[in-house]
PDB file of N, CA and C in Angstrom:
ATOM      1  N   MET A   1     116.643  92.860 108.956  1.00  0.00           N
ATOM      2  CA  MET A   1     116.101  92.022 107.693  1.00  0.00           C
ATOM      3  C   MET A   1     115.276  93.339 106.921  1.00  0.00           C
ATOM      4  N   SER A   2     115.529  93.381 105.620  1.00  0.00           N
ATOM      5  CA  SER A   2     114.729  94.662 105.192  1.00  0.00           C
ATOM      6  C   SER A   2     113.136  94.298 104.621  1.00  0.00           C
ATOM      7  N   ALA A   3     112.576  95.146 103.894  1.00  0.00           N
ATOM      8  CA  ALA A   3     111.157  94.962 104.111  1.00  0.00           C
ATOM      9  C   ALA A   3     111.382  93.971 102.524  1.00  0.00           C
ATOM     10  N   ARG A   4     110.509  93.374 102.040  1.00  0.00           N
ATOM     11  CA  ARG A   4     110.409  92.686 100.420  1.00  0.00           C
ATOM     12  C   ARG A   4     109.296  93.358 100.042  1.00  0.00           C
ATOM     13  N   LEU A   5     109.568  94.007  98.630  1.00  0.00           N
ATOM     14  CA  LEU A   5     108.722  94.436  97.787  1.00  0.00           C
ATOM     15  C   LEU A   5     107.295  92.942  97.614  1.00  0.00           C
ATOM     16  N   VAL A   6     106.204  93.880  97.975  1.00  0.00           N
ATOM     17  CA  VAL A   6     105.423  93.062  97.439  1.00  0.00           C
ATOM     18  C   VAL A   6     104.708  93.537  95.994  1.00  0.00           C
ATOM     19  N   ALA A   7     104.300  94.892  95.885  1.00  0.00           N
ATOM     20  CA  ALA A   7     103.474  95.131  94.704  1.00  0.00           C
ATOM     21  C   ALA A   7     103.890  96.978  94.775  1.00  0.00           C
ATOM     22  N   SER A   8     103.925  97.245  93.556  1.00  0.00           N
ATOM     23  CA  SER A   8     103.895  98.891  93.595  1.00  0.00           C
ATOM     24  C   SER A   8     102.605  99.221  92.740  1.00  0.00           C
ATOM     25  N   GLY A   9     102.623 100.753  93.151  1.00  0.00           N
ATOM     26  CA  GLY A   9     101.661 101.531  92.140  1.00  0.00           C
ATOM     27  C   GLY A   9     101.516 103.263  92.276  1.00  0.00           C
ATOM     28  N   ASP A  10     101.499 103.653  91.203  1.00  0.00           N
ATOM     29  CA  ASP A  10     101.226 104.919  91.542  1.00  0.00           C
ATOM     30  C   ASP A  10      99.823 106.038  91.821  1.00  0.00           C
ATOM     31  N   GLY A  11     100.052 107.265  92.120  1.00  0.00           N
ATOM     32  CA  GLY A  11      98.504 107.573  92.573  1.00  0.00           C
ATOM     33  C   GLY A  11      98.719 109.497  92.231  1.00  0.00           C
ATOM     34  N   GLN A  12      97.803 110.004  92.859  1.00  0.00           N
ATOM     35  CA  GLN A  12      98.200 111.580  93.157  1.00  0.00           C
ATOM     36  C   GLN A  12      97.314 111.566  94.450  1.00  0.00           C
ATOM     37  N   THR A  13      98.514 112.529  95.093  1.00  0.00           N
ATOM     38  CA  THR A  13      98.187 113.314  96.544  1.00  0.00           C
ATOM     39  C   THR A  13      97.282 114.208  96.549  1.00  0.00           C
ATOM     40  N   LEU A  14      95.926 114.154  97.334  1.00  0.00           N
ATOM     41  CA  LEU A  14      94.584 114.979  97.501  1.00  0.00           C
ATOM     42  C   LEU A  14      95.245 115.728  98.363  1.00  0.00           C
ATOM     43  N   ASN A  15      95.627 115.474  99.532  1.00  0.00           N
ATOM     44  CA  ASN A  15      95.700 115.863 100.705  1.00  0.00           C
ATOM     45  C   ASN A  15      97.224 115.385 101.984  1.00  0.00           C
ATOM     46  N   ILE A  16      97.469 116.388 102.470  1.00  0.00           N
ATOM     47  CA  ILE A  16      98.710 116.107 102.988  1.00  0.00           C
ATOM     48  C   ILE A  16      98.927 116.668 104.315  1.00  0.00           C
ATOM     49  N   SER A  17      99.022 116.314 105.718  1.00  0.00           N
ATOM     50  CA  SER A  17      99.231 116.797 106.793  1.00  0.00           C
ATOM     51  C   SER A  17     100.422 116.152 107.107  1.00  0.00           C
ATOM     52  N   SER A  18     100.938 116.554 108.922  1.00  0.00           N
ATOM     53  CA  SER A  18     102.083 116.532 109.482  1.00  0.00           C
ATOM     54  C   SER A  18     101.629 114.866 109.828  1.00  0.00           C
ATOM     55  N   ALA A  19     100.497 114.502 109.922  1.00  0.00           N
ATOM     56  CA  ALA A  19     100.155 113.047 110.156  1.00  0.00           C
ATOM     57  C   ALA A  19      99.802 112.158 109.185  1.00  0.00           C
ATOM     58  N   GLY A  20      99.551 112.547 107.666  1.00  0.00           N
ATOM     59  CA  GLY A  20      99.031 111.581 107.038  1.00  0.00           C
ATOM     60  C   GLY A  20      98.887 112.271 105.426  1.00  0.00           C
ATOM     61  N   LEU A  21      98.330 110.937 104.785  1.00  0.00           N
ATOM     62  CA  LEU A  21      98.353 111.858 103.201  1.00  0.00           C
ATOM     63  C   LEU A  21      96.731 110.872 102.962  1.00  0.00           C
ATOM     64  N   LEU A  22      96.080 111.487 101.851  1.00  0.00           N
ATOM     65  CA  LEU A  22      94.932 111.170 101.299  1.00  0.00           C
ATOM     66  C   LEU A  22      95.099 110.957  99.778  1.00  0.00           C
ATOM     67  N   ILE A  23      95.353 109.947  99.349  1.00  0.00           N
ATOM     68  CA  ILE A  23      95.505 109.452  98.159  1.00  0.00           C
ATOM     69  C   ILE A  23      94.748 108.871  96.887  1.00  0.00           C
ATOM     70  N   ALA A  24      94.543 109.355  95.647  1.00  0.00           N
ATOM     71  CA  ALA A  24      93.721 108.807  94.421  1.00  0.00           C
ATOM     72  C   ALA A  24      94.427 108.043  94.155  1.00  0.00           C
ATOM     73  N   SER A  25      93.959 106.889  93.737  1.00  0.00           N
ATOM     74  CA  SER A  25      94.761 105.759  92.798  1.00  0.00           C
ATOM     75  C   SER A  25      93.881 104.704  92.367  1.00  0.00           C
ATOM     76  N   ALA A  26      94.373 104.448  91.114  1.00  0.00           N
ATOM     77  CA  ALA A  26      93.790 103.353  90.221  1.00  0.00           C
ATOM     78  C   ALA A  26      93.590 101.950  91.022  1.00  0.00           C
ATOM     79  N   GLN A  27      94.831 101.328  91.698  1.00  0.00           N
ATOM     80  CA  GLN A  27      95.037 100.679  92.381  1.00  0.00           C
ATOM     81  C   GLN A  27      94.481 100.289  93.295  1.00  0.00           C
ATOM     82  N   SER A  28      93.526  99.468  94.168  1.00  0.00           N
ATOM     83  CA  SER A  28      93.233  99.464  95.272  1.00  0.00           C
ATOM     84  C   SER A  28      93.906  98.880  96.315  1.00  0.00           C
ATOM     85  N   VAL A  29      93.701  99.492  97.784  1.00  0.00           N
ATOM     86  CA  VAL A  29      94.740  98.857  98.685  1.00  0.00           C
ATOM     87  C   VAL A  29      93.685  98.493  99.679  1.00  0.00           C
ATOM     88  N   ARG A  30      94.040  97.911 100.685  1.00  0.00           N
ATOM     89  CA  ARG A  30      93.328  97.334 101.941  1.00  0.00           C
ATOM     90  C   ARG A  30      93.784  98.015 103.242  1.00  0.00           C
ATOM     91  N   GLU A  31      92.843  98.309 104.130  1.00  0.00           N
ATOM     92  CA  GLU A  31      93.238  98.824 105.214  1.00  0.00           C
ATOM     93  C   GLU A  31      94.341  98.157 106.237  1.00  0.00           C
ATOM     94  N   GLY A  32      95.249  98.682 106.963  1.00  0.00           N
ATOM     95  CA  GLY A  32      96.183  97.846 107.208  1.00  0.00           C
ATOM     96  C   GLY A  32      97.495  97.437 106.583  1.00  0.00           C
ATOM     97  N   LEU A  33      97.295  97.938 105.382  1.00  0.00           N
ATOM     98  CA  LEU A  33      98.410  97.357 104.853  1.00  0.00           C
ATOM     99  C   LEU A  33      99.490  98.784 104.602  1.00  0.00           C
ATOM    100  N   ARG A  34     100.866  97.949 105.037  1.00  0.00           N
ATOM    101  CA  ARG A  34     102.129  99.126 104.720  1.00  0.00           C
ATOM    102  C   ARG A  34     102.527  99.491 103.615  1.00  0.00           C
ATOM    103  N   LEU A  35     102.611 101.028 103.683  1.00  0.00           N
ATOM    104  CA  LEU A  35     103.457 100.845 102.268  1.00  0.00           C
ATOM    105  C   LEU A  35     104.601 101.765 102.494  1.00  0.00           C
ATOM    106  N   GLN A  36     105.337 102.465 101.399  1.00  0.00           N
ATOM    107  CA  GLN A  36     106.316 103.315 101.497  1.00  0.00           C
ATOM    108  C   GLN A  36     106.254 103.624 100.136  1.00  0.00           C
ATOM    109  N   LEU A  37     105.966 105.289 100.250  1.00  0.00           N
ATOM    110  CA  LEU A  37     105.688 106.302  99.096  1.00  0.00           C
ATOM    111  C   LEU A  37     106.834 106.970  99.144  1.00  0.00           C
ATOM    112  N   HIS A  38     106.784 107.311  97.952  1.00  0.00           N
ATOM    113  CA  HIS A  38     108.095 108.376  97.425  1.00  0.00           C
ATOM    114  C   HIS A  38     107.179 109.277  96.778  1.00  0.00           C
ATOM    115  N   VAL A  39     107.624 110.417  97.344  1.00  0.00           N
ATOM    116  CA  VAL A  39     106.514 111.765  96.800  1.00  0.00           C
ATOM    117  C   VAL A  39     107.527 113.045  96.529  1.00  0.00           C
ATOM    118  N   ASP A  40     107.132 113.238  94.930  1.00  0.00           N
ATOM    119  CA  ASP A  40     108.252 114.628  94.735  1.00  0.00           C
ATOM    120  C   ASP A  40     107.723 115.452  95.183  1.00  0.00           C
ATOM    121  N   TRP A  41     108.523 116.358  96.027  1.00  0.00           N
ATOM    122  CA  TRP A  41     107.706 117.683  96.833  1.00  0.00           C
ATOM    123  C   TRP A  41     107.431 119.158  95.796  1.00  0.00           C
ATOM    124  N   PRO A  42     107.057 119.566  95.914  1.00  0.00           N
ATOM    125  CA  PRO A  42     106.672 120.614  94.923  1.00  0.00           C
ATOM    126  C   PRO A  42     107.506 121.872  94.871  1.00  0.00           C
ATOM    127  N   TRP A  43     108.117 121.942  96.192  1.00  0.00           N
ATOM    128  CA  TRP A  43     109.543 122.816  96.390  1.00  0.00           C
ATOM    129  C   TRP A  43     110.505 122.399  96.327  1.00  0.00           C
ATOM    130  N   LEU A  44     111.773 123.631  95.916  1.00  0.00           N
ATOM    131  CA  LEU A  44     112.864 122.903  95.709  1.00  0.00           C
ATOM    132  C   LEU A  44     113.555 123.477  97.088  1.00  0.00           C
ATOM    133  N   LEU A  45     114.681 122.665  97.441  1.00  0.00           N
ATOM    134  CA  LEU A  45     115.304 123.314  98.456  1.00  0.00           C
ATOM    135  C   LEU A  45     116.627 124.480  97.994  1.00  0.00           C
ATOM    136  N   ASP A  46     116.715 125.303  98.801  1.00  0.00           N
ATOM    137  CA  ASP A  46     117.618 126.696  98.278  1.00  0.00           C
ATOM    138  C   ASP A  46     116.848 126.899  97.341  1.00  0.00           C
ATOM    139  N   GLY A  47     115.910 126.780  96.743  1.00  0.00           N
ATOM    140  CA  GLY A  47     115.578 127.305  95.452  1.00  0.00           C
ATOM    141  C   GLY A  47     115.854 126.553  93.953  1.00  0.00           C
ATOM    142  N   MET A  48     117.169 125.616  94.550  1.00  0.00           N
ATOM    143  CA  MET A  48     117.323 124.648  93.679  1.00  0.00           C
ATOM    144  C   MET A  48     117.790 123.187  93.076  1.00  0.00           C
ATOM    145  N   THR A  49     117.508 122.695  94.484  1.00  0.00           N
ATOM    146  CA  THR A  49     117.706 121.276  94.390  1.00  0.00           C
ATOM    147  C   THR A  49     116.061 120.315  94.630  1.00  0.00           C
ATOM    148  N   PRO A  50     115.887 119.660  93.696  1.00  0.00           N
ATOM    149  CA  PRO A  50     114.505 118.685  93.999  1.00  0.00           C
ATOM    150  C   PRO A  50     114.529 118.135  95.345  1.00  0.00           C
ATOM    151  N   LEU A  51     113.443 117.805  95.828  1.00  0.00           N
ATOM    152  CA  LEU A  51     113.167 117.069  97.007  1.00  0.00           C
ATOM    153  C   LEU A  51     112.078 115.901  96.782  1.00  0.00           C
ATOM    154  N   GLN A  52     112.650 114.758  97.659  1.00  0.00           N
ATOM    155  CA  GLN A  52     111.671 113.629  97.437  1.00  0.00           C
ATOM    156  C   GLN A  52     110.932 113.176  99.059  1.00  0.00           C
ATOM    157  N   LEU A  53     110.043 113.223  99.566  1.00  0.00           N
ATOM    158  CA  LEU A  53     109.546 112.851 100.670  1.00  0.00           C
ATOM    159  C   LEU A  53     109.252 111.257 100.780  1.00  0.00           C
ATOM    160  N   VAL A  54     109.941 110.450 101.306  1.00  0.00           N
ATOM    161  CA  VAL A  54     110.065 109.195 101.374  1.00  0.00           C
ATOM    162  C   VAL A  54     109.292 108.582 102.658  1.00  0.00           C
ATOM    163  N   ALA A  55     107.999 108.184 102.726  1.00  0.00           N
ATOM    164  CA  ALA A  55     107.455 107.634 104.023  1.00  0.00           C
ATOM    165  C   ALA A  55     107.302 106.274 104.197  1.00  0.00           C
ATOM    166  N   GLU A  56     107.593 105.556 105.694  1.00  0.00           N
ATOM    167  CA  GLU A  56     106.846 104.606 105.504  1.00  0.00           C
ATOM    168  C   GLU A  56     105.502 104.592 106.244  1.00  0.00           C
ATOM    169  N   THR A  57     104.487 103.952 105.918  1.00  0.00           N
ATOM    170  CA  THR A  57     103.309 104.288 106.425  1.00  0.00           C
ATOM    171  C   THR A  57     102.319 103.024 106.405  1.00  0.00           C
ATOM    172  N   ARG A  58     100.871 103.203 106.924  1.00  0.00           N
ATOM    173  CA  ARG A  58      99.753 102.418 107.199  1.00  0.00           C
ATOM    174  C   ARG A  58      98.470 103.017 107.084  1.00  0.00           C
ATOM    175  N   VAL A  59      98.409 102.080 105.658  1.00  0.00           N
ATOM    176  CA  VAL A  59      96.428 102.598 105.425  1.00  0.00           C
ATOM    177  C   VAL A  59      95.650 102.505 106.604  1.00  0.00           C
ATOM    178  N   VAL A  60      95.196 103.344 106.274  1.00  0.00           N
ATOM    179  CA  VAL A  60      94.244 103.818 107.771  1.00  0.00           C
ATOM    180  C   VAL A  60      92.478 103.619 107.299  1.00  0.00           C
ATOM    181  N   ARG A  61      92.706 103.993 105.819  1.00  0.00           N
ATOM    182  CA  ARG A  61      91.134 104.227 105.421  1.00  0.00           C
ATOM    183  C   ARG A  61      91.243 104.044 103.952  1.00  0.00           C
ATOM    184  N   ALA A  62      90.307 103.469 103.435  1.00  0.00           N
ATOM    185  CA  ALA A  62      90.539 102.265 102.019  1.00  0.00           C
ATOM    186  C   ALA A  62      89.121 102.593 101.092  1.00  0.00           C
ATOM    187  N   ASN A  63      88.688 103.544 100.596  1.00  0.00           N
ATOM    188  CA  ASN A  63      87.215 103.152  99.628  1.00  0.00           C
ATOM    189  C   ASN A  63      87.427 103.506  98.416  1.00  0.00           C
ATOM    190  N   GLY A  64      87.045 102.825  97.527  1.00  0.00           N
ATOM    191  CA  GLY A  64      87.028 102.772  95.884  1.00  0.00           C
ATOM    192  C   GLY A  64      88.492 103.283  95.861  1.00  0.00           C
ATOM    193  N   SER A  65      88.027 104.340  94.843  1.00  0.00           N
ATOM    194  CA  SER A  65      89.574 105.206  94.070  1.00  0.00           C
ATOM    195  C   SER A  65      90.492 105.705  95.108  1.00  0.00           C
ATOM    196  N   GLN A  66      90.442 105.963  96.191  1.00  0.00           N
ATOM    197  CA  GLN A  66      90.968 106.726  97.400  1.00  0.00           C
ATOM    198  C   GLN A  66      91.625 105.972  98.795  1.00  0.00           C
ATOM    199  N   PHE A  67      92.575 106.772  99.713  1.00  0.00           N
ATOM    200  CA  PHE A  67      92.899 105.999 100.320  1.00  0.00           C
ATOM    201  C   PHE A  67      93.523 106.702 101.538  1.00  0.00           C
ATOM    202  N   ALA A  68      93.643 106.635 102.605  1.00  0.00           N
ATOM    203  CA  ALA A  68      94.364 107.490 103.513  1.00  0.00           C
ATOM    204  C   ALA A  68      95.567 106.502 104.388  1.00  0.00           C
ATOM    205  N   VAL A  69      96.605 107.199 104.545  1.00  0.00           N
ATOM    206  CA  VAL A  69      97.727 106.702 105.314  1.00  0.00           C
ATOM    207  C   VAL A  69      98.282 107.549 106.072  1.00  0.00           C
ATOM    208  N   ALA A  70      98.574 106.897 107.281  1.00  0.00           N
ATOM    209  CA  ALA A  70      99.410 107.798 108.154  1.00  0.00           C
ATOM    210  C   ALA A  70     100.741 107.225 108.506  1.00  0.00           C
ATOM    211  N   LEU A  71     101.268 108.436 108.651  1.00  0.00           N
ATOM    212  CA  LEU A  71     102.712 108.640 108.916  1.00  0.00           C
ATOM    213  C   LEU A  71     103.159 107.765 109.982  1.00  0.00           C
ATOM    214  N   GLU A  72     104.270 106.895 109.922  1.00  0.00           N
ATOM    215  CA  GLU A  72     104.782 106.198 110.677  1.00  0.00           C
ATOM    216  C   GLU A  72     106.420 106.787 111.068  1.00  0.00           C
ATOM    217  N   ARG A  73     107.164 106.958 109.838  1.00  0.00           N
ATOM    218  CA  ARG A  73     108.435 107.422 109.789  1.00  0.00           C
ATOM    219  C   ARG A  73     108.696 108.273 108.197  1.00  0.00           C
ATOM    220  N   TYR A  74     109.550 109.556 108.250  1.00  0.00           N
ATOM    221  CA  TYR A  74     109.737 109.680 106.965  1.00  0.00           C
ATOM    222  C   TYR A  74     111.039 110.819 107.073  1.00  0.00           C
ATOM    223  N   GLN A  75     111.633 110.937 106.167  1.00  0.00           N
ATOM    224  CA  GLN A  75     112.566 111.796 105.612  1.00  0.00           C
ATOM    225  C   GLN A  75     112.386 112.308 104.291  1.00  0.00           C
ATOM    226  N   PHE A  76     113.137 113.501 104.453  1.00  0.00           N
ATOM    227  CA  PHE A  76     113.260 114.080 102.926  1.00  0.00           C
ATOM    228  C   PHE A  76     114.735 113.829 102.466  1.00  0.00           C
ATOM    229  N   ARG A  77     114.607 113.678 101.195  1.00  0.00           N
ATOM    230  CA  ARG A  77     115.796 113.539 100.313  1.00  0.00           C
ATOM    231  C   ARG A  77     115.766 114.263  99.172  1.00  0.00           C
ATOM    232  N   THR A  78     117.039 114.389  98.760  1.00  0.00           N
ATOM    233  CA  THR A  78     117.486 115.479  97.765  1.00  0.00           C
ATOM    234  C   THR A  78     117.331 114.755  96.302  1.00  0.00           C
ATOM    235  N   SER A  79     116.980 114.988  95.402  1.00  0.00           N
ATOM    236  CA  SER A  79     116.765 113.967  94.045  1.00  0.00           C
ATOM    237  C   SER A  79     117.156 114.937  92.980  1.00  0.00           C
ATOM    238  N   LYS A  80     117.458 114.137  91.919  1.00  0.00           N
ATOM    239  CA  LYS A  80     117.863 114.668  90.427  1.00  0.00           C
ATOM    240  C   LYS A  80     116.961 115.669  89.968  1.00  0.00           C
ATOM    241  N   ARG A  81     117.334 116.422  89.047  1.00  0.00           N
ATOM    242  CA  ARG A  81     116.544 117.502  88.992  1.00  0.00           C
ATOM    243  C   ARG A  81     115.760 116.590  87.368  1.00  0.00           C
ATOM    244  N   GLN A  82     114.368 116.302  87.124  1.00  0.00           N
ATOM    245  CA  GLN A  82     113.468 115.040  86.102  1.00  0.00           C
ATOM    246  C   GLN A  82     113.370 116.607  85.137  1.00  0.00           C
ATOM    247  N   SER A  83     113.962 116.348  83.789  1.00  0.00           N
ATOM    248  CA  SER A  83     113.894 116.627  82.750  1.00  0.00           C
ATOM    249  C   SER A  83     112.423 116.808  82.172  1.00  0.00           C
ATOM    250  N   VAL A  84     111.876 115.126  82.373  1.00  0.00           N
ATOM    251  CA  VAL A  84     110.086 115.400  82.017  1.00  0.00           C
ATOM    252  C   VAL A  84     109.541 115.022  83.133  1.00  0.00           C
ATOM    253  N   PRO A  85     108.317 115.744  83.495  1.00  0.00           N
ATOM    254  CA  PRO A  85     107.602 115.591  84.590  1.00  0.00           C
ATOM    255  C   PRO A  85     107.462 114.132  84.901  1.00  0.00           C
ATOM    256  N   VAL A  86     107.117 113.615  86.198  1.00  0.00           N
ATOM    257  CA  VAL A  86     106.998 112.388  86.721  1.00  0.00           C
ATOM    258  C   VAL A  86     105.550 112.383  87.201  1.00  0.00           C
ATOM    259  N   ASP A  87     104.993 111.150  87.390  1.00  0.00           N
ATOM    260  CA  ASP A  87     104.448 111.412  88.549  1.00  0.00           C
ATOM    261  C   ASP A  87     104.532 111.909  89.617  1.00  0.00           C
ATOM    262  N   PRO A  88     104.184 112.185  90.924  1.00  0.00           N
ATOM    263  CA  PRO A  88     104.086 113.072  91.723  1.00  0.00           C
ATOM    264  C   PRO A  88     103.926 111.866  92.937  1.00  0.00           C
ATOM    265  N   LEU A  89     103.591 110.889  92.895  1.00  0.00           N
ATOM    266  CA  LEU A  89     103.291 109.933  94.300  1.00  0.00           C
ATOM    267  C   LEU A  89     103.375 108.279  93.390  1.00  0.00           C
ATOM    268  N   ILE A  90     104.734 107.768  94.075  1.00  0.00           N
ATOM    269  CA  ILE A  90     104.960 106.370  93.968  1.00  0.00           C
ATOM    270  C   ILE A  90     105.062 105.744  95.184  1.00  0.00           C
ATOM    271  N   TRP A  91     104.193 104.304  95.038  1.00  0.00           N
ATOM    272  CA  TRP A  91     104.240 104.060  96.393  1.00  0.00           C
ATOM    273  C   TRP A  91     104.741 102.306  96.313  1.00  0.00           C
ATOM    274  N   ALA A  92     104.731 101.846  97.238  1.00  0.00           N
ATOM    275  CA  ALA A  92     105.033 100.484  97.155  1.00  0.00           C
ATOM    276  C   ALA A  92     104.847  99.309  98.577  1.00  0.00           C
ATOM    277  N   VAL A  93     104.061  98.593  98.637  1.00  0.00           N
ATOM    278  CA  VAL A  93     103.779  97.711  99.399  1.00  0.00           C
ATOM    279  C   VAL A  93     104.989  96.830  99.672  1.00  0.00           C
ATOM    280  N   THR A  94     105.272  96.882 101.006  1.00  0.00           N
ATOM    281  CA  THR A  94     106.477  96.416 101.783  1.00  0.00           C
ATOM    282  C   THR A  94     105.545  95.109 102.763  1.00  0.00           C
ATOM    283  N   ALA A  95     106.575  93.917 102.652  1.00  0.00           N
ATOM    284  CA  ALA A  95     106.188  92.881 103.726  1.00  0.00           C
ATOM    285  C   ALA A  95     107.359  92.733 105.209  1.00  0.00           C
TER     286      ALA A  95
END
């Protein structure tokens, strides 16, 4: 059974580690929520190919305009080079 999209939003990655991310977002989220994140990676694969981090996460802390997520599963995917800058982080709530 595949996950069902419940909501989506965007934000800015403030801090990233091997265990999780701290995110600033105008949309509020609640603790315990599962999110799928898509983060445009700032470095190119072999200096040529854009990468995107795609991660299944759980919100472990939420306060005001920031929330922290723990990484549960992730992978890097190659993506097309963007002709215009895009938001570096897109997230979706899945059920």
